[in-house]
Protein backbone atom coordinates (compact mmCIF):
# COMPACT_ATOMS: atom_id res chain seq x y z
CA MET A 1 0.41 0.23 0.35
CA PHE A 2 2.78 2.44 1.34
CA GLU A 3 4.67 1.89 -2.61
CA ARG A 4 1.03 2.29 -4.59
CA ARG A 5 1.40 5.52 -2.64
CA ARG A 6 4.43 6.69 -3.71
CA LEU A 7 3.80 5.87 -7.17
CA ILE A 8 0.66 7.99 -6.95
CA LEU A 9 2.01 10.69 -5.23
CA GLY A 10 5.27 11.14 -7.09
CA GLY A 11 3.43 10.84 -10.31
CA MET A 12 1.06 14.22 -9.40
CA LEU A 13 4.46 16.01 -8.94
CA ALA A 14 5.54 14.94 -12.29
CA LEU A 15 2.59 16.02 -13.50
CA ALA A 16 2.31 19.12 -11.63
CA ALA A 17 6.02 19.74 -12.98
CA ALA A 18 5.32 19.41 -16.24
CA ARG A 19 2.07 21.50 -15.93
CA PRO A 20 2.77 25.73 -17.17
CA ALA A 21 3.34 28.10 -14.08
CA HIS A 22 -0.04 30.16 -15.57
CA ALA A 23 -2.70 29.51 -18.30
CA VAL A 24 -1.20 31.96 -21.62
CA THR A 25 -3.99 32.04 -24.58
CA GLN A 26 -1.73 33.68 -26.92
CA VAL A 27 1.54 35.94 -27.04
CA ARG A 28 2.07 38.36 -29.41
CA TYR A 29 5.02 39.85 -30.78
CA PRO A 30 6.63 42.40 -32.83
CA ARG A 31 8.08 42.02 -36.11
CA SER A 32 11.09 44.08 -36.22
CA GLU A 33 11.71 47.04 -38.76
CA PRO A 34 13.74 45.17 -41.61
CA GLN A 35 17.11 45.04 -40.67
CA GLY A 36 18.02 43.01 -43.67
CA GLN A 37 18.03 39.42 -44.33
CA GLY A 38 20.59 38.33 -42.48
CA ASP A 39 19.51 39.32 -38.64
CA GLN A 40 19.20 36.56 -36.76
CA SER A 41 18.47 38.53 -33.42
CA GLU A 42 14.96 38.69 -34.42
CA HIS A 43 15.00 34.59 -35.53
CA TYR A 44 16.99 33.79 -32.42
CA ALA A 45 14.30 35.52 -29.34
CA VAL A 46 11.71 34.66 -31.54
CA ARG A 47 13.10 30.55 -31.28
CA LEU A 48 13.79 31.05 -27.74
CA LEU A 49 10.52 32.12 -27.08
CA ARG A 50 8.62 29.58 -28.87
CA LEU A 51 11.12 27.12 -26.75
CA ALA A 52 10.81 28.47 -23.21
CA LEU A 53 6.80 28.12 -23.84
CA ALA A 54 7.11 24.72 -24.85
CA TYR A 55 9.17 23.86 -21.81
CA ALA A 56 6.66 25.68 -19.66
CA GLY A 57 3.73 23.23 -20.72
CA GLN A 58 2.39 25.71 -23.58
CA PRO A 59 4.06 24.48 -27.13
CA ASP A 60 1.26 26.45 -29.11
CA ALA A 61 0.83 29.96 -27.16
CA ILE A 62 3.25 32.13 -29.85
CA GLU A 63 1.29 34.33 -32.25
CA PRO A 64 3.00 35.34 -35.51
CA PRO A 65 3.26 38.90 -35.49
CA THR A 66 0.99 40.45 -38.55
CA TYR A 67 2.84 43.64 -39.27
CA LYS A 68 6.05 45.63 -38.67
CA MET A 69 7.16 48.05 -36.16
CA GLY A 70 9.29 50.05 -34.90
CA GLN A 71 11.39 49.54 -31.30
CA THR A 72 9.68 53.27 -29.99
CA ARG A 73 6.40 51.67 -31.06
CA ALA A 74 6.80 48.53 -30.19
CA LEU A 75 7.27 49.78 -26.16
CA VAL A 76 4.30 51.81 -26.37
CA ASP A 77 2.09 49.49 -27.77
CA LEU A 78 3.30 46.68 -25.45
CA GLN A 79 3.22 49.51 -21.82
CA ASN A 80 -0.47 50.05 -23.96
CA GLY A 81 -1.15 46.33 -23.97
CA ARG A 82 -2.58 46.76 -27.55
CA ALA A 83 -0.66 44.86 -30.47
CA ILE A 84 1.81 42.97 -28.94
CA ASP A 85 2.39 41.11 -25.84
CA VAL A 86 5.71 40.50 -25.40
CA LEU A 87 9.55 41.93 -26.75
CA TRP A 88 12.54 41.89 -26.87
CA THR A 89 15.00 44.62 -26.03
CA MET A 90 18.05 46.07 -24.15
CA SER A 91 17.44 46.89 -19.81
CA SER A 92 17.55 49.61 -18.56
CA ARG A 93 15.78 51.97 -14.98
CA GLN A 94 13.20 53.17 -17.33
CA ARG A 95 11.95 50.17 -19.22
CA GLU A 96 11.94 48.47 -15.91
CA THR A 97 10.29 50.71 -14.74
CA GLU A 98 7.91 51.19 -16.82
CA LEU A 99 7.26 47.07 -17.91
CA LEU A 100 8.23 43.40 -16.42
CA PRO A 101 11.61 42.07 -17.22
CA VAL A 102 12.32 38.22 -17.70
CA ARG A 103 15.70 38.20 -15.86
CA ILE A 104 17.46 36.00 -18.27
CA PRO A 105 19.51 37.75 -20.41
CA LEU A 106 18.72 35.97 -23.92
CA ASP A 107 22.56 37.03 -25.25
CA MET A 108 24.30 36.18 -22.29
CA GLY A 109 25.29 39.91 -22.24
CA LEU A 110 26.46 40.23 -26.10
CA ILE A 111 24.78 43.16 -26.18
CA GLY A 112 27.11 45.39 -24.59
CA TRP A 113 30.24 44.08 -26.60
CA ARG A 114 30.37 46.86 -29.44
CA LEU A 115 32.45 46.17 -32.22
CA LEU A 116 32.89 49.83 -34.38
CA LEU A 117 31.67 50.10 -37.62
CA LEU A 118 33.71 52.43 -39.74
CA ARG A 119 34.71 53.87 -43.47
CA ARG A 120 37.42 51.81 -44.90
CA SER A 121 39.25 54.94 -45.87
CA ASP A 122 39.63 55.93 -41.42
CA ALA A 123 40.47 52.14 -40.97
CA ALA A 124 44.57 53.32 -40.20
CA ARG A 125 43.18 56.32 -37.98
CA PHE A 126 41.56 54.42 -35.98
CA GLU A 127 44.50 51.17 -36.00
CA ALA A 128 46.22 54.37 -34.75
CA THR A 129 43.86 55.06 -32.13
CA PRO A 130 46.05 55.11 -28.51
CA SER A 131 43.58 55.88 -25.58
CA ALA A 132 39.92 56.02 -24.59
CA ALA A 133 40.67 59.52 -24.67
CA ASP A 134 41.64 59.51 -27.99
CA LEU A 135 38.25 57.92 -29.39
CA GLN A 136 36.27 59.65 -27.44
CA GLN A 137 36.84 62.74 -29.40
CA LEU A 138 35.16 61.23 -32.44
CA SER A 139 31.95 60.86 -33.14
CA ALA A 140 30.23 57.87 -32.67
CA LEU A 141 26.64 57.07 -34.23
CA GLN A 142 23.57 55.98 -32.27
CA GLY A 143 19.70 55.67 -32.44
CA HIS A 144 18.23 58.94 -30.75
CA ASP A 145 16.33 56.66 -28.18
CA TRP A 146 18.85 53.79 -27.60
CA PRO A 147 19.81 53.10 -24.06
CA ASP A 148 23.49 53.02 -25.84
CA THR A 149 23.31 56.44 -26.52
CA ASP A 150 23.39 57.61 -23.20
CA ILE A 151 25.68 55.20 -21.90
CA LEU A 152 28.16 56.44 -24.36
CA LEU A 153 27.82 60.47 -23.28
CA ALA A 154 27.63 59.20 -19.02
CA ASN A 155 31.09 57.99 -20.20
CA GLY A 156 32.51 60.99 -22.47
CA TYR A 157 31.76 59.90 -25.56
CA ARG A 158 30.63 62.36 -28.60
CA VAL A 159 27.39 60.60 -30.04
CA GLU A 160 25.19 61.56 -32.88
CA THR A 161 21.55 60.33 -33.38
CA GLY A 162 19.45 59.25 -35.96
CA SER A 163 16.18 58.01 -36.35
CA ASP A 164 15.82 55.66 -39.56
CA TYR A 165 17.77 52.08 -39.01
CA GLY A 166 18.82 52.16 -41.98
CA GLY A 167 19.26 55.17 -42.54
CA MET A 168 22.16 55.59 -40.16
CA PHE A 169 24.54 53.99 -42.22
CA LYS A 170 23.94 56.12 -45.16
CA MET A 171 25.17 58.84 -42.34
CA LEU A 172 28.27 56.90 -41.40
CA SER A 173 28.63 56.12 -45.18
CA SER A 174 28.52 59.87 -46.06
CA SER A 175 30.57 60.79 -43.31
CA ARG A 176 28.27 62.32 -40.65
CA ALA A 177 29.52 60.33 -38.32
CA ASP A 178 32.88 58.63 -37.31
CA TYR A 179 31.70 55.09 -36.84
CA PHE A 180 29.00 53.04 -35.54
CA PRO A 181 29.16 51.02 -32.29
CA ARG A 182 27.01 47.90 -32.76
CA SER A 183 26.99 44.32 -30.99
CA VAL A 184 28.75 40.81 -32.19
CA PHE A 185 25.33 39.67 -33.10
CA GLU A 186 24.49 42.40 -35.69
CA VAL A 187 27.07 44.16 -37.17
CA TRP A 188 28.48 40.98 -39.10
CA ASN A 189 24.76 40.60 -40.16
CA GLU A 190 24.20 44.12 -41.02
CA LEU A 191 27.66 44.01 -42.99
CA ASP A 192 26.41 40.95 -45.26
CA ALA A 193 22.75 42.29 -45.64
CA PHE A 194 22.98 45.79 -46.50
CA HIS A 195 26.61 45.49 -48.82
CA TRP A 196 28.26 48.59 -48.00
CA ASP A 197 31.24 48.06 -49.44
CA ASP A 198 33.21 51.20 -48.36
CA LEU A 199 32.34 50.25 -44.49
CA MET A 200 33.92 47.59 -42.25
CA VAL A 201 35.11 46.17 -38.81
CA ALA A 202 36.81 48.11 -37.09
CA PRO A 203 40.16 45.72 -36.35
CA GLY A 204 41.79 44.86 -32.72
CA LEU A 205 39.10 47.52 -30.85
CA ALA A 206 35.87 46.96 -29.29
CA LEU A 207 33.80 48.63 -26.40
CA HIS A 208 32.09 46.68 -23.91
CA TYR A 209 29.84 47.73 -21.16
CA PRO A 210 27.61 45.29 -18.80
CA SER A 211 24.17 44.79 -20.28
CA ALA A 212 21.30 42.58 -20.28
CA PHE A 213 18.71 41.84 -23.16
CA TYR A 214 15.21 40.63 -21.93
CA PHE A 215 12.01 39.52 -22.60
CA PHE A 216 9.71 42.67 -21.88
CA VAL A 217 6.11 42.43 -20.57
CA ARG A 218 3.67 44.65 -19.84
CA LYS A 219 2.99 44.89 -16.54
CA SER A 220 -0.64 43.86 -16.21
CA ASN A 221 0.43 40.35 -17.33
CA PRO A 222 3.06 38.69 -14.79
CA ALA A 223 1.47 35.61 -15.47
CA LEU A 224 3.74 35.53 -18.71
CA VAL A 225 6.56 36.34 -16.80
CA ALA A 226 6.67 33.71 -14.71
CA THR A 227 5.37 31.19 -17.59
CA ILE A 228 8.65 32.35 -19.78
CA GLN A 229 10.98 32.19 -16.97
CA GLN A 230 10.08 28.94 -16.05
CA GLY A 231 10.62 27.34 -19.28
CA LEU A 232 13.94 29.64 -19.83
CA GLU A 233 15.36 28.21 -16.30
CA ARG A 234 14.06 24.61 -17.50
CA MET A 235 15.98 24.94 -20.60
CA MET A 236 18.98 26.36 -18.95
CA ALA A 237 18.67 22.98 -16.68
CA ASP A 238 18.52 20.77 -19.62
CA GLY A 239 21.36 22.19 -21.67
CA SER A 240 19.07 23.30 -24.58
CA TYR A 241 19.47 27.06 -23.78
CA ALA A 242 23.65 27.12 -23.99
CA ARG A 243 22.95 25.38 -26.93
CA ALA A 244 20.16 27.51 -28.71
CA PHE A 245 22.89 30.00 -28.03
CA ASN A 246 26.28 28.74 -29.77
CA ASP A 247 23.50 27.77 -32.63
CA TYR A 248 23.29 31.63 -33.08
CA PHE A 249 25.84 33.26 -31.59
CA GLY A 250 28.95 30.62 -32.02
CA ASP A 251 30.01 31.62 -35.68
CA MET A 252 29.28 35.41 -34.45
CA LEU A 253 31.74 35.25 -31.95
CA ARG A 254 34.74 33.51 -33.06
CA ARG A 255 35.07 36.34 -36.14
CA SER A 256 34.85 38.92 -34.10
CA ALA A 257 37.84 37.31 -31.82
CA LEU A 258 37.01 39.28 -28.51
CA PRO A 259 40.09 37.55 -26.85
CA LEU A 260 42.52 39.56 -29.43
CA ARG A 261 41.30 42.88 -29.19
CA ARG A 262 41.56 45.75 -27.17
CA ILE A 263 38.78 46.63 -24.65
CA PHE A 264 37.79 49.81 -23.97
CA GLU A 265 35.21 49.33 -20.47
CA LEU A 266 32.41 51.55 -19.67
CA ASN A 267 30.63 52.24 -17.23
CA ASN A 268 26.38 51.54 -17.33
CA PRO A 269 24.35 53.84 -15.06
CA LEU A 270 21.27 52.63 -16.96
CA LEU A 271 22.09 49.27 -15.56
CA PRO A 272 19.30 48.23 -12.81
CA ALA A 273 20.77 46.52 -9.63
CA ALA A 274 18.99 43.54 -9.94
CA THR A 275 20.59 42.65 -13.20
CA PRO A 276 21.49 39.11 -12.63
CA LEU A 277 25.07 39.64 -12.91
CA ALA A 278 26.40 37.33 -10.77
CA ARG A 279 24.77 34.29 -12.30
CA ARG A 280 27.85 33.25 -14.31
CA GLU A 281 25.79 30.73 -16.54
CA LEU A 282 23.59 34.10 -17.81
């Protein structure tokens, strides 16, 4: 009798573990404005979202987007509970005040490792850059509403801003800025996709600041945060999170050769105190 009760209890516990933390009927996400045919960041985030929901016991909850939207509009729509239920973006204190983050960085912090996109005609000039102070005298290019803009300014860097993603590559090409810091998971796809023959990645240099790239959900939907968190934690436990990361970013990391680069370290004053920097597996 005791053995039978133990088997029944074990089965009930296994069933409970397989169930989602909360019931989710649908999860709508934004289709980003085009970032080139080779853009892998969106493909990776969608795949990770789909896997996380499946690991949380809800494999069919995701709903494909019906139209494209830029980041600013997506943030507003998410906060107001209109067209989307989740998005993925770089964290900041403001964003974590307005929205609920799932505190598992999707990119293991890669968003803060920045290679410098520049004009080929300026390559020698950057090879001769001896210090951070010299780099600060040149103008970096960033989006007007990106957290990176405030991070660079807070560290004494000059910044030119743009509002159109594709147009910023034209700004760089036409000498309206000296370099365009891009994350290691963005820059190679962008070079391949946009075919700017006059642009290149600066050899031997990189910027770094601690950061996190999260799924975000509106404040009125903590159940979805709990479900995605549960799925991602289960993925980390069985190694599928690390495998998905390596499948998408392994080649980019090798191509970036970060250990061989001179790294300029920056502080990130926008980083929320709750960022899980102590979790080495992330």
